[in-house]
C-alpha atoms as a PDB file:
ATOM      1  CA  UNK A   1      -4.046  -1.269 -10.168  1.00  0.00           C
ATOM      2  CA  UNK A   2      -2.367  -4.599  -9.346  1.00  0.00           C
ATOM      3  CA  UNK A   3      -4.129  -6.637  -6.668  1.00  0.00           C
ATOM      4  CA  UNK A   4      -1.911  -8.828  -4.492  1.00  0.00           C
ATOM      5  CA  UNK A   5      -3.932 -11.423  -2.617  1.00  0.00           C
ATOM      6  CA  UNK A   6      -1.912 -12.406   0.426  1.00  0.00           C
ATOM      7  CA  UNK A   7      -0.629 -15.658   2.001  1.00  0.00           C
ATOM      8  CA  UNK A   8       1.004 -15.506   5.401  1.00  0.00           C
ATOM      9  CA  UNK A   9       2.674 -18.768   6.333  1.00  0.00           C
ATOM     10  CA  UNK A  10       3.321 -20.051   9.861  1.00  0.00           C
ATOM     11  CA  UNK A  11       4.000 -23.705  10.734  1.00  0.00           C
ATOM     12  CA  UNK A  12       3.174 -24.649   7.113  1.00  0.00           C
ATOM     13  CA  UNK A  13      -0.351 -23.162   7.435  1.00  0.00           C
ATOM     14  CA  UNK A  14      -2.125 -20.035   6.163  1.00  0.00           C
ATOM     15  CA  UNK A  15      -2.603 -17.655   9.046  1.00  0.00           C
ATOM     16  CA  UNK A  16      -3.536 -14.005   9.622  1.00  0.00           C
ATOM     17  CA  UNK A  17      -2.320 -11.878  12.498  1.00  0.00           C
ATOM     18  CA  UNK A  18      -3.968  -8.844  14.043  1.00  0.00           C
ATOM     19  CA  UNK A  19      -1.552  -5.868  14.120  1.00  0.00           C
ATOM     20  CA  UNK A  20       1.353  -8.330  13.653  1.00  0.00           C
ATOM     21  CA  UNK A  21       0.651  -9.944  17.046  1.00  0.00           C
ATOM     22  CA  UNK A  22       1.775 -13.565  16.917  1.00  0.00           C
ATOM     23  CA  UNK A  23      -0.408 -14.333  19.966  1.00  0.00           C
ATOM     24  CA  UNK A  24      -3.438 -13.002  18.110  1.00  0.00           C
ATOM     25  CA  UNK A  25      -3.613 -15.208  15.041  1.00  0.00           C
ATOM     26  CA  UNK A  26      -6.211 -17.087  13.045  1.00  0.00           C
ATOM     27  CA  UNK A  27      -5.311 -20.341  11.332  1.00  0.00           C
ATOM     28  CA  UNK A  28      -7.113 -21.359   8.114  1.00  0.00           C
ATOM     29  CA  UNK A  29      -7.767 -24.854   6.829  1.00  0.00           C
ATOM     30  CA  UNK A  30      -6.475 -24.353   3.325  1.00  0.00           C
ATOM     31  CA  UNK A  31      -2.740 -24.947   2.839  1.00  0.00           C
ATOM     32  CA  UNK A  32      -0.564 -22.183   1.302  1.00  0.00           C
ATOM     33  CA  UNK A  33      -0.280 -24.252  -1.916  1.00  0.00           C
ATOM     34  CA  UNK A  34      -4.025 -24.753  -2.168  1.00  0.00           C
ATOM     35  CA  UNK A  35      -4.660 -21.076  -1.452  1.00  0.00           C
ATOM     36  CA  UNK A  36      -2.171 -20.012  -4.205  1.00  0.00           C
ATOM     37  CA  UNK A  37      -3.910 -22.378  -6.624  1.00  0.00           C
ATOM     38  CA  UNK A  38      -7.272 -20.838  -5.736  1.00  0.00           C
ATOM     39  CA  UNK A  39      -5.918 -17.353  -6.520  1.00  0.00           C
ATOM     40  CA  UNK A  40      -4.455 -18.620  -9.773  1.00  0.00           C
ATOM     41  CA  UNK A  41      -7.729 -20.249 -10.749  1.00  0.00           C
ATOM     42  CA  UNK A  42      -9.610 -16.979 -10.232  1.00  0.00           C
ATOM     43  CA  UNK A  43      -7.248 -15.159 -12.571  1.00  0.00           C
ATOM     44  CA  UNK A  44      -4.957 -13.289 -10.247  1.00  0.00           C
ATOM     45  CA  UNK A  45      -1.401 -12.721 -11.560  1.00  0.00           C
ATOM     46  CA  UNK A  46       0.353 -11.372  -8.485  1.00  0.00           C
ATOM     47  CA  UNK A  47       0.805 -12.824  -4.994  1.00  0.00           C
ATOM     48  CA  UNK A  48       2.112 -11.362  -1.706  1.00  0.00           C
ATOM     49  CA  UNK A  49       3.679 -13.944   0.578  1.00  0.00           C
ATOM     50  CA  UNK A  50       5.058 -13.464   4.081  1.00  0.00           C
ATOM     51  CA  UNK A  51       7.047 -16.168   5.838  1.00  0.00           C
ATOM     52  CA  UNK A  52       6.142 -15.446   9.440  1.00  0.00           C
ATOM     53  CA  UNK A  53       8.491 -18.209  10.645  1.00  0.00           C
ATOM     54  CA  UNK A  54      11.194 -16.403   8.811  1.00  0.00           C
ATOM     55  CA  UNK A  55      10.202 -13.068  10.404  1.00  0.00           C
ATOM     56  CA  UNK A  56      10.772 -14.622  13.791  1.00  0.00           C
ATOM     57  CA  UNK A  57      13.998 -16.604  13.011  1.00  0.00           C
ATOM     58  CA  UNK A  58      15.686 -14.717  10.188  1.00  0.00           C
ATOM     59  CA  UNK A  59      15.843 -17.919   8.135  1.00  0.00           C
ATOM     60  CA  UNK A  60      14.103 -18.958   4.896  1.00  0.00           C
ATOM     61  CA  UNK A  61      12.035 -21.486   6.787  1.00  0.00           C
ATOM     62  CA  UNK A  62       9.323 -22.010   4.173  1.00  0.00           C
ATOM     63  CA  UNK A  63      11.495 -21.872   1.046  1.00  0.00           C
ATOM     64  CA  UNK A  64      10.181 -25.309  -0.035  1.00  0.00           C
ATOM     65  CA  UNK A  65       6.585 -24.062  -0.039  1.00  0.00           C
ATOM     66  CA  UNK A  66       7.576 -20.978  -2.072  1.00  0.00           C
ATOM     67  CA  UNK A  67       9.471 -23.142  -4.609  1.00  0.00           C
ATOM     68  CA  UNK A  68       6.416 -25.394  -4.957  1.00  0.00           C
ATOM     69  CA  UNK A  69       4.045 -22.477  -5.538  1.00  0.00           C
ATOM     70  CA  UNK A  70       6.381 -20.943  -8.146  1.00  0.00           C
ATOM     71  CA  UNK A  71       6.843 -24.228  -9.962  1.00  0.00           C
ATOM     72  CA  UNK A  72       3.123 -25.101 -10.113  1.00  0.00           C
ATOM     73  CA  UNK A  73       1.559 -21.692 -10.782  1.00  0.00           C
ATOM     74  CA  UNK A  74       2.584 -18.913 -13.120  1.00  0.00           C
ATOM     75  CA  UNK A  75       2.268 -16.190 -10.470  1.00  0.00           C
ATOM     76  CA  UNK A  76       4.424 -13.119  -9.909  1.00  0.00           C
ATOM     77  CA  UNK A  77       5.370 -13.539  -6.264  1.00  0.00           C
ATOM     78  CA  UNK A  78       6.742 -10.967  -3.819  1.00  0.00           C
ATOM     79  CA  UNK A  79       8.101 -12.665  -0.690  1.00  0.00           C
ATOM     80  CA  UNK A  80       9.152 -11.210   2.631  1.00  0.00           C
ATOM     81  CA  UNK A  81       9.723 -12.224   6.215  1.00  0.00           C
ATOM     82  CA  UNK A  82      13.144 -12.434   7.878  1.00  0.00           C
ATOM     83  CA  UNK A  83      15.274 -11.779   4.775  1.00  0.00           C
ATOM     84  CA  UNK A  84      18.440 -10.580   6.414  1.00  0.00           C
ATOM     85  CA  UNK A  85      21.355 -11.589   4.147  1.00  0.00           C
ATOM     86  CA  UNK A  86      22.370 -12.004   0.496  1.00  0.00           C
ATOM     87  CA  UNK A  87      22.139 -15.762   0.709  1.00  0.00           C
ATOM     88  CA  UNK A  88      18.411 -15.630   1.479  1.00  0.00           C
ATOM     89  CA  UNK A  89      17.818 -13.168  -1.397  1.00  0.00           C
ATOM     90  CA  UNK A  90      19.691 -15.498  -3.718  1.00  0.00           C
ATOM     91  CA  UNK A  91      17.656 -18.464  -2.615  1.00  0.00           C
ATOM     92  CA  UNK A  92      14.446 -16.733  -3.307  1.00  0.00           C
ATOM     93  CA  UNK A  93      15.521 -15.235  -6.672  1.00  0.00           C
ATOM     94  CA  UNK A  94      16.844 -18.650  -7.729  1.00  0.00           C
ATOM     95  CA  UNK A  95      13.396 -20.108  -6.933  1.00  0.00           C
ATOM     96  CA  UNK A  96      11.841 -17.703  -9.392  1.00  0.00           C
ATOM     97  CA  UNK A  97      10.108 -15.070  -7.255  1.00  0.00           C
ATOM     98  CA  UNK A  98       9.614 -11.659  -8.825  1.00  0.00           C
ATOM     99  CA  UNK A  99      10.553  -9.515  -5.782  1.00  0.00           C
ATOM    100  CA  UNK A 100      12.194 -10.098  -2.443  1.00  0.00           C
ATOM    101  CA  UNK A 101      10.976  -7.777   0.294  1.00  0.00           C
ATOM    102  CA  UNK A 102      13.496  -6.305   2.699  1.00  0.00           C
ATOM    103  CA  UNK A 103      12.245  -4.860   5.926  1.00  0.00           C
ATOM    104  CA  UNK A 104      13.987  -4.884   9.315  1.00  0.00           C
ATOM    105  CA  UNK A 105      17.450  -5.634   7.891  1.00  0.00           C
ATOM    106  CA  UNK A 106      17.167  -2.727   5.456  1.00  0.00           C
ATOM    107  CA  UNK A 107      16.004  -0.306   8.139  1.00  0.00           C
ATOM    108  CA  UNK A 108      18.734  -1.330  10.613  1.00  0.00           C
ATOM    109  CA  UNK A 109      21.443  -1.334   7.963  1.00  0.00           C
ATOM    110  CA  UNK A 110      20.915   1.012   4.990  1.00  0.00           C
ATOM    111  CA  UNK A 111      24.127  -0.279   3.366  1.00  0.00           C
ATOM    112  CA  UNK A 112      22.620  -3.734   3.168  1.00  0.00           C
ATOM    113  CA  UNK A 113      19.646  -2.317   1.248  1.00  0.00           C
ATOM    114  CA  UNK A 114      21.939  -0.381  -1.108  1.00  0.00           C
ATOM    115  CA  UNK A 115      24.160  -3.389  -1.802  1.00  0.00           C
ATOM    116  CA  UNK A 116      21.147  -5.683  -2.249  1.00  0.00           C
ATOM    117  CA  UNK A 117      19.675  -3.340  -4.856  1.00  0.00           C
ATOM    118  CA  UNK A 118      23.095  -3.333  -6.707  1.00  0.00           C
ATOM    119  CA  UNK A 119      23.504  -7.123  -6.560  1.00  0.00           C
ATOM    120  CA  UNK A 120      19.895  -7.946  -7.443  1.00  0.00           C
ATOM    121  CA  UNK A 121      18.661  -5.198  -9.797  1.00  0.00           C
ATOM    122  CA  UNK A 122      14.922  -4.916 -10.104  1.00  0.00           C
ATOM    123  CA  UNK A 123      14.376  -7.680  -7.528  1.00  0.00           C
ATOM    124  CA  UNK A 124      14.341  -5.789  -4.252  1.00  0.00           C
ATOM    125  CA  UNK A 125      11.129  -4.452  -2.715  1.00  0.00           C
ATOM    126  CA  UNK A 126      11.348  -2.341   0.431  1.00  0.00           C
ATOM    127  CA  UNK A 127       8.756  -3.035   3.171  1.00  0.00           C
ATOM    128  CA  UNK A 128       8.128  -0.034   5.341  1.00  0.00           C
ATOM    129  CA  UNK A 129       5.905  -0.901   8.306  1.00  0.00           C
ATOM    130  CA  UNK A 130       4.795   2.099  10.319  1.00  0.00           C
ATOM    131  CA  UNK A 131       3.105   2.772  13.604  1.00  0.00           C
ATOM    132  CA  UNK A 132       2.110   6.347  14.274  1.00  0.00           C
ATOM    133  CA  UNK A 133       4.519   7.517  11.622  1.00  0.00           C
ATOM    134  CA  UNK A 134       7.532   5.642  12.994  1.00  0.00           C
ATOM    135  CA  UNK A 135       9.085   2.526  11.473  1.00  0.00           C
ATOM    136  CA  UNK A 136       8.725  -0.852  13.215  1.00  0.00           C
ATOM    137  CA  UNK A 137      11.172  -3.726  12.871  1.00  0.00           C
ATOM    138  CA  UNK A 138      11.734  -7.363  13.877  1.00  0.00           C
ATOM    139  CA  UNK A 139       8.289  -8.713  13.068  1.00  0.00           C
ATOM    140  CA  UNK A 140       6.778  -5.472  14.410  1.00  0.00           C
ATOM    141  CA  UNK A 141       7.972  -6.278  17.902  1.00  0.00           C
ATOM    142  CA  UNK A 142      10.312  -3.331  18.031  1.00  0.00           C
ATOM    143  CA  UNK A 143       9.645   0.328  17.288  1.00  0.00           C
ATOM    144  CA  UNK A 144      12.484   2.345  15.804  1.00  0.00           C
ATOM    145  CA  UNK A 145      12.946   6.005  16.409  1.00  0.00           C
ATOM    146  CA  UNK A 146      12.920   6.697  12.665  1.00  0.00           C
ATOM    147  CA  UNK A 147      10.161   8.603  10.998  1.00  0.00           C
ATOM    148  CA  UNK A 148       9.134   6.794   7.842  1.00  0.00           C
ATOM    149  CA  UNK A 149       9.369   9.777   5.558  1.00  0.00           C
ATOM    150  CA  UNK A 150      12.823  10.726   6.865  1.00  0.00           C
ATOM    151  CA  UNK A 151      14.130   7.169   6.226  1.00  0.00           C
ATOM    152  CA  UNK A 152      12.623   7.066   2.802  1.00  0.00           C
ATOM    153  CA  UNK A 153      14.326  10.279   1.791  1.00  0.00           C
ATOM    154  CA  UNK A 154      17.658   8.801   2.862  1.00  0.00           C
ATOM    155  CA  UNK A 155      17.338   5.584   0.782  1.00  0.00           C
ATOM    156  CA  UNK A 156      15.238   6.907  -2.121  1.00  0.00           C
ATOM    157  CA  UNK A 157      18.073   6.735  -4.643  1.00  0.00           C
ATOM    158  CA  UNK A 158      19.315   3.277  -3.749  1.00  0.00           C
ATOM    159  CA  UNK A 159      17.473   1.504  -6.567  1.00  0.00           C
ATOM    160  CA  UNK A 160      14.577  -0.228  -4.818  1.00  0.00           C
ATOM    161  CA  UNK A 161      12.057  -1.411  -7.408  1.00  0.00           C
ATOM    162  CA  UNK A 162       8.907  -1.433  -5.198  1.00  0.00           C
ATOM    163  CA  UNK A 163       7.807  -0.053  -1.830  1.00  0.00           C
ATOM    164  CA  UNK A 164       5.235  -1.720   0.296  1.00  0.00           C
ATOM    165  CA  UNK A 165       3.728   0.613   2.910  1.00  0.00           C
ATOM    166  CA  UNK A 166       1.868  -0.966   5.858  1.00  0.00           C
ATOM    167  CA  UNK A 167       0.100   0.881   8.632  1.00  0.00           C
ATOM    168  CA  UNK A 168       0.426  -1.595  11.510  1.00  0.00           C
ATOM    169  CA  UNK A 169      -2.508  -0.087  13.392  1.00  0.00           C
ATOM    170  CA  UNK A 170      -4.742  -1.020  10.450  1.00  0.00           C
ATOM    171  CA  UNK A 171      -3.266  -4.443   9.611  1.00  0.00           C
ATOM    172  CA  UNK A 172      -5.664  -7.310  10.218  1.00  0.00           C
ATOM    173  CA  UNK A 173      -8.237  -4.878  11.659  1.00  0.00           C
ATOM    174  CA  UNK A 174     -10.270  -4.454   8.406  1.00  0.00           C
ATOM    175  CA  UNK A 175     -10.676  -0.680   9.158  1.00  0.00           C
ATOM    176  CA  UNK A 176      -9.572   0.429   5.647  1.00  0.00           C
ATOM    177  CA  UNK A 177      -6.003   1.299   4.709  1.00  0.00           C
ATOM    178  CA  UNK A 178      -4.313   4.576   5.602  1.00  0.00           C
ATOM    179  CA  UNK A 179      -4.807   6.086   2.191  1.00  0.00           C
ATOM    180  CA  UNK A 180      -3.679   9.553   3.260  1.00  0.00           C
ATOM    181  CA  UNK A 181      -0.288   8.476   4.611  1.00  0.00           C
ATOM    182  CA  UNK A 182       0.211   6.057   1.718  1.00  0.00           C
ATOM    183  CA  UNK A 183      -0.347   8.885  -0.713  1.00  0.00           C
ATOM    184  CA  UNK A 184       2.247  11.005   1.136  1.00  0.00           C
ATOM    185  CA  UNK A 185       4.784   8.158   0.827  1.00  0.00           C
ATOM    186  CA  UNK A 186       3.970   7.706  -2.855  1.00  0.00           C
ATOM    187  CA  UNK A 187       4.420  11.420  -3.532  1.00  0.00           C
ATOM    188  CA  UNK A 188       8.086  11.299  -2.468  1.00  0.00           C
ATOM    189  CA  UNK A 189       9.022   7.676  -3.375  1.00  0.00           C
ATOM    190  CA  UNK A 190      11.226   7.120  -6.434  1.00  0.00           C
ATOM    191  CA  UNK A 191       9.658   3.692  -6.991  1.00  0.00           C
ATOM    192  CA  UNK A 192       6.051   2.440  -7.212  1.00  0.00           C
ATOM    193  CA  UNK A 193       4.197   1.990  -3.917  1.00  0.00           C
ATOM    194  CA  UNK A 194       1.845  -0.825  -2.849  1.00  0.00           C
ATOM    195  CA  UNK A 195      -0.822  -0.211  -0.225  1.00  0.00           C
ATOM    196  CA  UNK A 196      -1.005  -2.670   2.643  1.00  0.00           C
ATOM    197  CA  UNK A 197      -2.954  -3.135   5.837  1.00  0.00           C
ATOM    198  CA  UNK A 198      -6.617  -2.855   6.720  1.00  0.00           C
ATOM    199  CA  UNK A 199      -8.475  -3.659   3.466  1.00  0.00           C
ATOM    200  CA  UNK A 200     -11.997  -4.374   4.624  1.00  0.00           C
ATOM    201  CA  UNK A 201     -14.252  -4.392   1.574  1.00  0.00           C
ATOM    202  CA  UNK A 202     -14.394  -4.029  -2.181  1.00  0.00           C
ATOM    203  CA  UNK A 203     -14.989  -0.329  -1.615  1.00  0.00           C
ATOM    204  CA  UNK A 204     -11.398   0.005  -0.300  1.00  0.00           C
ATOM    205  CA  UNK A 205     -10.118  -1.354  -3.664  1.00  0.00           C
ATOM    206  CA  UNK A 206     -12.266   1.173  -5.527  1.00  0.00           C
ATOM    207  CA  UNK A 207     -11.096   3.996  -3.297  1.00  0.00           C
ATOM    208  CA  UNK A 208      -7.428   3.029  -3.926  1.00  0.00           C
ATOM    209  CA  UNK A 209      -8.029   3.210  -7.661  1.00  0.00           C
ATOM    210  CA  UNK A 210      -9.741   6.608  -7.249  1.00  0.00           C
ATOM    211  CA  UNK A 211      -6.679   8.104  -5.565  1.00  0.00           C
ATOM    212  CA  UNK A 212      -5.333   8.832  -9.053  1.00  0.00           C
ATOM    213  CA  UNK A 213      -1.785   8.689  -7.793  1.00  0.00           C
ATOM    214  CA  UNK A 214       0.297   7.343 -10.670  1.00  0.00           C
ATOM    215  CA  UNK A 215       2.956   6.101  -8.297  1.00  0.00           C
ATOM    216  CA  UNK A 216       0.589   3.746  -6.397  1.00  0.00           C
ATOM    217  CA  UNK A 217       1.066   0.404  -8.142  1.00  0.00           C
ATOM    218  CA  UNK A 218      -1.283  -1.874  -6.277  1.00  0.00           C
ATOM    219  CA  UNK A 219      -2.939  -3.076  -3.075  1.00  0.00           C
ATOM    220  CA  UNK A 220      -2.551  -6.163  -0.840  1.00  0.00           C
ATOM    221  CA  UNK A 221      -5.668  -7.970   0.302  1.00  0.00           C
ATOM    222  CA  UNK A 222      -5.455 -10.546   3.070  1.00  0.00           C
ATOM    223  CA  UNK A 223      -7.771 -11.116   6.046  1.00  0.00           C
ATOM    224  CA  UNK A 224     -10.852  -9.768   4.211  1.00  0.00           C
ATOM    225  CA  UNK A 225     -10.503 -12.608   1.763  1.00  0.00           C
ATOM    226  CA  UNK A 226     -10.041 -15.327   4.362  1.00  0.00           C
ATOM    227  CA  UNK A 227     -12.954 -14.064   6.444  1.00  0.00           C
ATOM    228  CA  UNK A 228     -15.280 -13.875   3.438  1.00  0.00           C
ATOM    229  CA  UNK A 229     -15.723 -10.061   3.496  1.00  0.00           C
ATOM    230  CA  UNK A 230     -14.408  -9.869  -0.043  1.00  0.00           C
ATOM    231  CA  UNK A 231     -15.332 -12.616  -2.527  1.00  0.00           C
ATOM    232  CA  UNK A 232     -12.637 -13.520  -5.052  1.00  0.00           C
ATOM    233  CA  UNK A 233     -15.089 -13.338  -7.896  1.00  0.00           C
ATOM    234  CA  UNK A 234     -15.859  -9.833  -6.938  1.00  0.00           C
ATOM    235  CA  UNK A 235     -12.245  -8.869  -6.365  1.00  0.00           C
ATOM    236  CA  UNK A 236     -10.922 -10.178  -9.671  1.00  0.00           C
ATOM    237  CA  UNK A 237     -13.371  -7.922 -11.547  1.00  0.00           C
ATOM    238  CA  UNK A 238     -11.384  -4.933 -10.198  1.00  0.00           C
ATOM    239  CA  UNK A 239      -8.351  -6.136 -12.137  1.00  0.00           C
ATOM    240  CA  UNK A 240     -10.123  -5.345 -15.368  1.00  0.00           C
ATOM    241  CA  UNK A 241     -12.312  -2.474 -14.268  1.00  0.00           C
END
């Protein structure tokens, strides 16, 4: 089970949102670079990064921060937030990230997802963010009328190399992930699935490992780290357990 500690960047700072609400955010003192270094020092190998400025603007606003993290630390980074064209994907892959996460642009235009997977083999992760079973787009400010499982069946053969499933109602709430729905997604997905949204304690990590679903690759941990509910020393033990 891969563990992806999270860094959400807004205005050059580490922040966390509640249910994706930009008006309900917490800013943290540590810079994204310092936080990445802290994860590296504790022995983590993977990192989940979201450019919240990018999610709002559709531009790679914090590319310089990502480049600095990649150059200083040997971390496998997945990055998302407002990636809506091939140029942005190219910028991120050139900077050395492992995966580029496509969300809104892929949901609104399936051909963009298909072409991205062809142009950047093994580099594209698909971010599916759901509220009550329906996909949300544009920084979670818009609900689509697409059921998540229906959409997944349509794009399942496009060549996505990772799927990140987030239950928006759980995100930032620390009420435990939606394991049941994530397992349903993993059962039909042609690529490995990462659990996202709502991790509240080390018990959630253990429960994720106990799912025994071979298609669940890992889990993202964010707010619970920043708020001190999960200690990094405790979390890193789950990498080896």
